[in-house]
N, C-alpha and C. Protein backbone atom coordinates (compact mmCIF):
# COMPACT_ATOMS: atom_id res chain seq x y z
N ILE A 1 37.69 -18.90 41.39
CA ILE A 1 36.74 -18.87 40.28
C ILE A 1 37.04 -20.06 39.40
N ARG A 2 36.07 -20.91 39.19
CA ARG A 2 36.25 -22.04 38.29
C ARG A 2 35.66 -21.70 36.94
N ARG A 3 36.42 -21.95 35.92
CA ARG A 3 35.95 -21.69 34.55
C ARG A 3 36.21 -22.93 33.72
N GLN A 4 35.25 -23.28 32.89
CA GLN A 4 35.46 -24.40 31.99
C GLN A 4 36.10 -23.84 30.73
N LEU A 5 37.28 -24.34 30.40
CA LEU A 5 38.01 -23.84 29.25
C LEU A 5 38.25 -24.98 28.27
N MET A 6 38.24 -24.67 27.02
CA MET A 6 38.55 -25.65 25.98
C MET A 6 40.05 -25.63 25.73
N GLY A 7 40.70 -26.78 25.85
CA GLY A 7 42.13 -26.85 25.62
C GLY A 7 42.89 -26.12 26.71
N HIS A 8 43.98 -25.49 26.32
CA HIS A 8 44.83 -24.76 27.26
C HIS A 8 44.91 -23.31 26.83
N THR A 9 43.83 -22.63 26.84
CA THR A 9 43.86 -21.21 26.50
C THR A 9 44.11 -20.41 27.75
N ALA A 10 44.67 -19.26 27.60
CA ALA A 10 45.01 -18.42 28.75
C ALA A 10 43.76 -17.76 29.32
N ALA A 11 43.67 -17.74 30.62
CA ALA A 11 42.57 -17.07 31.30
C ALA A 11 42.90 -15.59 31.42
N PRO A 12 41.88 -14.76 31.52
CA PRO A 12 42.13 -13.33 31.72
C PRO A 12 42.89 -13.11 33.02
N LYS A 13 43.57 -12.00 33.11
CA LYS A 13 44.38 -11.68 34.29
C LYS A 13 43.56 -11.80 35.56
N GLY A 14 44.12 -12.51 36.55
CA GLY A 14 43.46 -12.65 37.84
C GLY A 14 42.52 -13.84 37.94
N GLN A 15 42.28 -14.58 36.85
CA GLN A 15 41.39 -15.73 36.90
C GLN A 15 42.21 -17.01 36.75
N LEU A 16 41.67 -18.10 37.26
CA LEU A 16 42.38 -19.36 37.23
C LEU A 16 42.26 -20.02 35.87
N LEU A 17 43.25 -20.84 35.54
CA LEU A 17 43.25 -21.58 34.29
C LEU A 17 43.15 -23.05 34.63
N ALA A 18 42.12 -23.73 34.10
CA ALA A 18 41.93 -25.15 34.40
C ALA A 18 41.12 -25.80 33.30
N GLU A 19 41.10 -27.15 33.30
CA GLU A 19 40.25 -27.91 32.40
C GLU A 19 39.22 -28.65 33.24
N GLN A 20 38.05 -28.86 32.67
CA GLN A 20 37.00 -29.60 33.35
C GLN A 20 37.03 -31.03 32.81
N SER A 21 36.94 -32.04 33.65
CA SER A 21 36.91 -33.42 33.18
C SER A 21 35.99 -34.25 34.06
N LYS A 22 35.58 -35.43 33.55
CA LYS A 22 34.73 -36.34 34.32
C LYS A 22 35.49 -37.66 34.50
N PRO A 23 35.95 -37.95 35.71
CA PRO A 23 36.61 -39.23 35.96
C PRO A 23 35.60 -40.38 36.00
N ALA A 24 36.06 -41.59 36.30
CA ALA A 24 35.20 -42.78 36.30
C ALA A 24 34.03 -42.64 37.26
N THR A 25 34.15 -41.83 38.29
CA THR A 25 33.06 -41.68 39.26
C THR A 25 31.90 -40.88 38.67
N GLY A 26 32.12 -40.19 37.56
CA GLY A 26 31.08 -39.40 36.94
C GLY A 26 30.96 -38.00 37.51
N LYS A 27 31.71 -37.70 38.55
CA LYS A 27 31.66 -36.36 39.14
C LYS A 27 32.62 -35.43 38.43
N ASP A 28 32.22 -34.18 38.33
CA ASP A 28 33.11 -33.19 37.73
C ASP A 28 34.27 -32.91 38.67
N ARG A 29 35.43 -32.69 38.09
CA ARG A 29 36.56 -32.24 38.88
C ARG A 29 37.38 -31.30 38.02
N VAL A 30 38.07 -30.40 38.68
CA VAL A 30 38.91 -29.44 37.97
C VAL A 30 40.32 -30.02 37.91
N VAL A 31 40.86 -30.14 36.71
CA VAL A 31 42.21 -30.65 36.51
C VAL A 31 43.10 -29.47 36.17
N PRO A 32 44.17 -29.26 36.90
CA PRO A 32 45.05 -28.12 36.62
C PRO A 32 45.71 -28.25 35.25
N CYS A 33 45.97 -27.13 34.63
CA CYS A 33 46.67 -27.14 33.36
C CYS A 33 48.10 -27.59 33.59
N ARG A 34 48.68 -28.21 32.61
CA ARG A 34 50.06 -28.67 32.72
C ARG A 34 50.97 -27.91 31.76
N LYS A 35 50.42 -27.03 30.96
CA LYS A 35 51.22 -26.25 30.03
C LYS A 35 51.49 -24.88 30.61
N LEU A 36 52.54 -24.27 30.16
CA LEU A 36 52.81 -22.90 30.60
C LEU A 36 51.75 -21.97 30.06
N VAL A 37 51.35 -21.06 30.86
CA VAL A 37 50.38 -20.06 30.44
C VAL A 37 51.09 -19.08 29.54
N GLU A 38 50.50 -18.79 28.40
CA GLU A 38 51.20 -17.96 27.43
C GLU A 38 50.92 -16.48 27.56
N SER A 39 49.84 -16.11 28.20
CA SER A 39 49.58 -14.68 28.28
C SER A 39 50.17 -14.10 29.56
N VAL A 40 50.70 -12.94 29.48
CA VAL A 40 51.33 -12.29 30.63
C VAL A 40 50.26 -11.97 31.67
N GLY A 41 50.53 -12.33 32.91
CA GLY A 41 49.62 -12.01 33.99
C GLY A 41 48.57 -13.07 34.27
N ALA A 42 48.50 -14.14 33.47
CA ALA A 42 47.53 -15.20 33.74
C ALA A 42 48.03 -16.03 34.91
N THR A 43 47.11 -16.74 35.57
CA THR A 43 47.48 -17.54 36.72
C THR A 43 47.21 -19.00 36.42
N CYS A 44 48.14 -19.87 36.74
CA CYS A 44 48.00 -21.31 36.51
C CYS A 44 47.34 -21.92 37.74
N HIS A 45 46.30 -22.73 37.54
CA HIS A 45 45.54 -23.32 38.65
C HIS A 45 46.38 -24.31 39.46
N CYS A 46 47.29 -25.02 38.79
CA CYS A 46 48.01 -26.10 39.49
C CYS A 46 48.94 -25.56 40.57
N CYS A 47 49.49 -24.41 40.39
CA CYS A 47 50.42 -23.91 41.40
C CYS A 47 50.08 -22.49 41.83
N ILE A 48 49.04 -21.91 41.28
CA ILE A 48 48.59 -20.56 41.61
C ILE A 48 49.75 -19.56 41.50
N ASN A 49 50.67 -19.84 40.63
CA ASN A 49 51.78 -18.92 40.40
C ASN A 49 51.55 -18.14 39.12
N ARG A 50 52.12 -16.98 39.07
CA ARG A 50 52.03 -16.19 37.86
C ARG A 50 53.16 -16.63 36.93
N HIS A 51 52.82 -16.89 35.69
CA HIS A 51 53.81 -17.24 34.68
C HIS A 51 53.93 -16.05 33.74
N ARG A 52 55.09 -15.53 33.60
CA ARG A 52 55.28 -14.36 32.76
C ARG A 52 56.23 -14.68 31.62
N GLN A 53 56.00 -14.01 30.52
CA GLN A 53 56.91 -14.16 29.40
C GLN A 53 58.21 -13.46 29.75
N PRO A 54 59.34 -13.95 29.22
CA PRO A 54 60.60 -13.26 29.49
C PRO A 54 60.56 -11.84 28.94
N ALA A 55 61.18 -10.95 29.65
CA ALA A 55 61.22 -9.55 29.22
C ALA A 55 62.05 -9.43 27.95
N ALA A 56 61.66 -8.50 27.12
CA ALA A 56 62.41 -8.24 25.90
C ALA A 56 63.77 -7.67 26.26
N PRO A 57 64.81 -8.05 25.52
CA PRO A 57 66.13 -7.51 25.83
C PRO A 57 66.14 -5.99 25.72
N SER A 58 66.66 -5.34 26.74
CA SER A 58 66.66 -3.88 26.75
C SER A 58 68.07 -3.31 26.80
N GLY A 59 69.07 -4.17 26.88
CA GLY A 59 70.43 -3.68 27.02
C GLY A 59 70.80 -3.39 28.46
N PHE A 60 69.85 -3.50 29.36
CA PHE A 60 70.09 -3.25 30.78
C PHE A 60 70.66 -4.51 31.42
N GLN A 61 71.77 -4.38 32.12
CA GLN A 61 72.36 -5.50 32.83
C GLN A 61 72.35 -5.18 34.31
N GLN A 62 71.64 -5.99 35.07
CA GLN A 62 71.51 -5.75 36.50
C GLN A 62 72.77 -6.19 37.23
N THR A 63 73.17 -5.41 38.22
CA THR A 63 74.32 -5.74 39.06
C THR A 63 73.84 -5.85 40.49
N LEU A 64 74.18 -6.93 41.15
CA LEU A 64 73.78 -7.16 42.53
C LEU A 64 75.02 -7.19 43.40
N VAL A 65 75.03 -6.38 44.44
CA VAL A 65 76.15 -6.32 45.37
C VAL A 65 75.64 -6.74 46.74
N ILE A 66 76.31 -7.69 47.34
CA ILE A 66 75.93 -8.14 48.68
C ILE A 66 77.02 -7.71 49.65
N LEU A 67 76.62 -6.97 50.67
CA LEU A 67 77.56 -6.46 51.67
C LEU A 67 77.13 -6.92 53.05
N ARG A 68 78.06 -6.97 53.93
CA ARG A 68 77.73 -7.19 55.34
C ARG A 68 78.31 -6.02 56.11
N HIS A 69 77.90 -5.87 57.35
CA HIS A 69 78.40 -4.75 58.14
C HIS A 69 79.91 -4.88 58.32
N SER A 70 80.55 -3.79 58.59
CA SER A 70 82.00 -3.79 58.78
C SER A 70 82.34 -4.24 60.19
N GLU A 71 83.58 -4.20 60.53
CA GLU A 71 84.03 -4.64 61.85
C GLU A 71 83.53 -3.70 62.94
N ARG A 72 82.78 -4.26 63.90
CA ARG A 72 82.21 -3.46 64.99
C ARG A 72 83.01 -3.65 66.27
N ARG A 73 82.90 -2.65 67.11
CA ARG A 73 83.66 -2.65 68.37
C ARG A 73 83.20 -3.75 69.32
N ASP A 74 81.89 -4.04 69.36
CA ASP A 74 81.40 -5.07 70.29
C ASP A 74 81.87 -6.48 69.91
N VAL A 75 82.22 -6.68 68.65
CA VAL A 75 82.71 -7.99 68.22
C VAL A 75 84.19 -8.16 68.58
N VAL A 76 84.96 -7.07 68.46
CA VAL A 76 86.40 -7.10 68.71
C VAL A 76 86.72 -6.99 70.20
N ASP A 77 85.97 -6.15 70.92
CA ASP A 77 86.25 -5.87 72.33
C ASP A 77 85.15 -6.49 73.19
N GLU A 78 85.47 -7.57 73.89
CA GLU A 78 84.48 -8.26 74.73
C GLU A 78 83.98 -7.41 75.88
N SER A 79 84.76 -6.43 76.31
CA SER A 79 84.36 -5.59 77.44
C SER A 79 83.41 -4.46 77.01
N TYR A 80 83.16 -4.31 75.72
CA TYR A 80 82.30 -3.21 75.24
C TYR A 80 80.88 -3.30 75.82
N SER A 81 80.32 -4.50 75.89
CA SER A 81 78.94 -4.64 76.36
C SER A 81 78.76 -4.19 77.81
N SER A 82 79.81 -4.25 78.61
CA SER A 82 79.70 -3.80 80.00
C SER A 82 80.23 -2.37 80.20
N SER A 83 80.71 -1.75 79.13
CA SER A 83 81.20 -0.36 79.24
C SER A 83 80.01 0.60 79.30
N GLN A 84 80.28 1.85 79.69
CA GLN A 84 79.23 2.85 79.78
C GLN A 84 78.55 3.05 78.42
N GLU A 85 79.34 3.15 77.36
CA GLU A 85 78.77 3.32 76.01
C GLU A 85 77.99 2.07 75.59
N GLY A 86 78.51 0.89 75.92
CA GLY A 86 77.85 -0.36 75.58
C GLY A 86 76.52 -0.53 76.28
N LEU A 87 76.40 -0.01 77.51
CA LEU A 87 75.14 -0.08 78.24
C LEU A 87 74.11 0.88 77.66
N VAL A 88 74.56 2.05 77.19
CA VAL A 88 73.65 3.03 76.60
C VAL A 88 73.22 2.60 75.19
N TRP A 89 74.15 2.05 74.41
CA TRP A 89 73.90 1.65 73.03
C TRP A 89 74.22 0.16 72.84
N PRO A 90 73.46 -0.75 73.46
CA PRO A 90 73.80 -2.17 73.40
C PRO A 90 73.64 -2.79 72.00
N HIS A 91 72.79 -2.22 71.18
CA HIS A 91 72.52 -2.81 69.86
C HIS A 91 73.04 -1.96 68.71
N ASP A 92 73.83 -0.96 69.01
CA ASP A 92 74.32 -0.05 67.97
C ASP A 92 75.78 0.31 68.24
N ALA A 93 76.62 -0.71 68.22
CA ALA A 93 78.04 -0.49 68.51
C ALA A 93 78.71 0.24 67.36
N PRO A 94 79.67 1.10 67.66
CA PRO A 94 80.37 1.83 66.60
C PRO A 94 81.36 0.91 65.88
N LEU A 95 81.77 1.35 64.70
CA LEU A 95 82.80 0.63 63.96
C LEU A 95 84.15 0.87 64.62
N THR A 96 85.03 -0.10 64.47
CA THR A 96 86.41 0.10 64.92
C THR A 96 87.11 0.98 63.88
N ALA A 97 88.33 1.42 64.20
CA ALA A 97 89.09 2.21 63.23
C ALA A 97 89.32 1.39 61.95
N TYR A 98 89.60 0.11 62.11
CA TYR A 98 89.78 -0.75 60.94
C TYR A 98 88.44 -0.93 60.20
N GLY A 99 87.34 -0.98 60.93
CA GLY A 99 86.02 -1.07 60.31
C GLY A 99 85.71 0.14 59.46
N VAL A 100 86.10 1.33 59.92
CA VAL A 100 85.91 2.57 59.14
C VAL A 100 86.76 2.50 57.88
N TYR A 101 88.01 2.03 58.01
CA TYR A 101 88.89 1.88 56.85
C TYR A 101 88.27 0.94 55.82
N LEU A 102 87.77 -0.21 56.27
CA LEU A 102 87.14 -1.17 55.36
C LEU A 102 85.91 -0.57 54.67
N ALA A 103 85.11 0.17 55.42
CA ALA A 103 83.91 0.79 54.85
C ALA A 103 84.28 1.79 53.76
N ARG A 104 85.32 2.59 54.00
CA ARG A 104 85.77 3.56 52.99
C ARG A 104 86.31 2.84 51.75
N LYS A 105 87.05 1.78 51.96
CA LYS A 105 87.61 1.01 50.85
C LYS A 105 86.48 0.43 49.98
N VAL A 106 85.48 -0.15 50.61
CA VAL A 106 84.35 -0.72 49.88
C VAL A 106 83.56 0.38 49.17
N ALA A 107 83.43 1.54 49.80
CA ALA A 107 82.73 2.67 49.17
C ALA A 107 83.43 3.07 47.88
N CYS A 108 84.75 3.09 47.88
CA CYS A 108 85.51 3.43 46.66
C CYS A 108 85.30 2.37 45.59
N GLU A 109 85.29 1.10 45.99
CA GLU A 109 85.05 0.01 45.04
C GLU A 109 83.65 0.11 44.44
N LEU A 110 82.67 0.45 45.26
CA LEU A 110 81.30 0.60 44.77
C LEU A 110 81.18 1.78 43.82
N GLU A 111 81.91 2.84 44.10
CA GLU A 111 81.89 4.01 43.22
C GLU A 111 82.43 3.63 41.84
N GLU A 112 83.51 2.86 41.80
CA GLU A 112 84.06 2.40 40.53
C GLU A 112 83.08 1.48 39.81
N LEU A 113 82.44 0.60 40.55
CA LEU A 113 81.45 -0.31 39.97
C LEU A 113 80.28 0.47 39.41
N HIS A 114 79.85 1.51 40.11
CA HIS A 114 78.73 2.33 39.66
C HIS A 114 79.04 3.00 38.32
N GLU A 115 80.26 3.42 38.13
CA GLU A 115 80.65 4.05 36.87
C GLU A 115 80.60 3.04 35.72
N GLN A 116 80.93 1.78 36.02
CA GLN A 116 80.91 0.75 34.98
C GLN A 116 79.49 0.26 34.69
N ALA A 117 78.65 0.21 35.70
CA ALA A 117 77.31 -0.35 35.54
C ALA A 117 76.35 0.61 34.88
C-alpha cells in the first residue's frame, strides 16, 4: 500500500511508511523513511521491519540457559551402531552412566538457578 505522507509521521499498524518525491525525471517515486518509526506496530518501508518502542521496565530479568545433550552411548562406543540395540534404535542412543550423572548434576544446577530467577 503506497501512501503519501507529510514528513515522517507514523503509519497505522500494518501500513507502509514512506515519502513521495519527484526526482529530475519528473516521475513519482516512493522514498523510504530514514527515521525510526515512533508508533508501536508501524512498519518502515525501507526495510519492511517492525520498529517497536522499548518495553517499560517491569523488574523482570530474563535468564537464558543453553544446554546440549549429555554423553550418549553411540558417541563413546563405536560398536553401538552395529549392536542389536543400535540397529533397532539408530537415532535414539541411550545415555552412558556418566551421561546420566551429568544430566542429574545439571538438573540440580537448573533447580538452584530457578529459585534465584
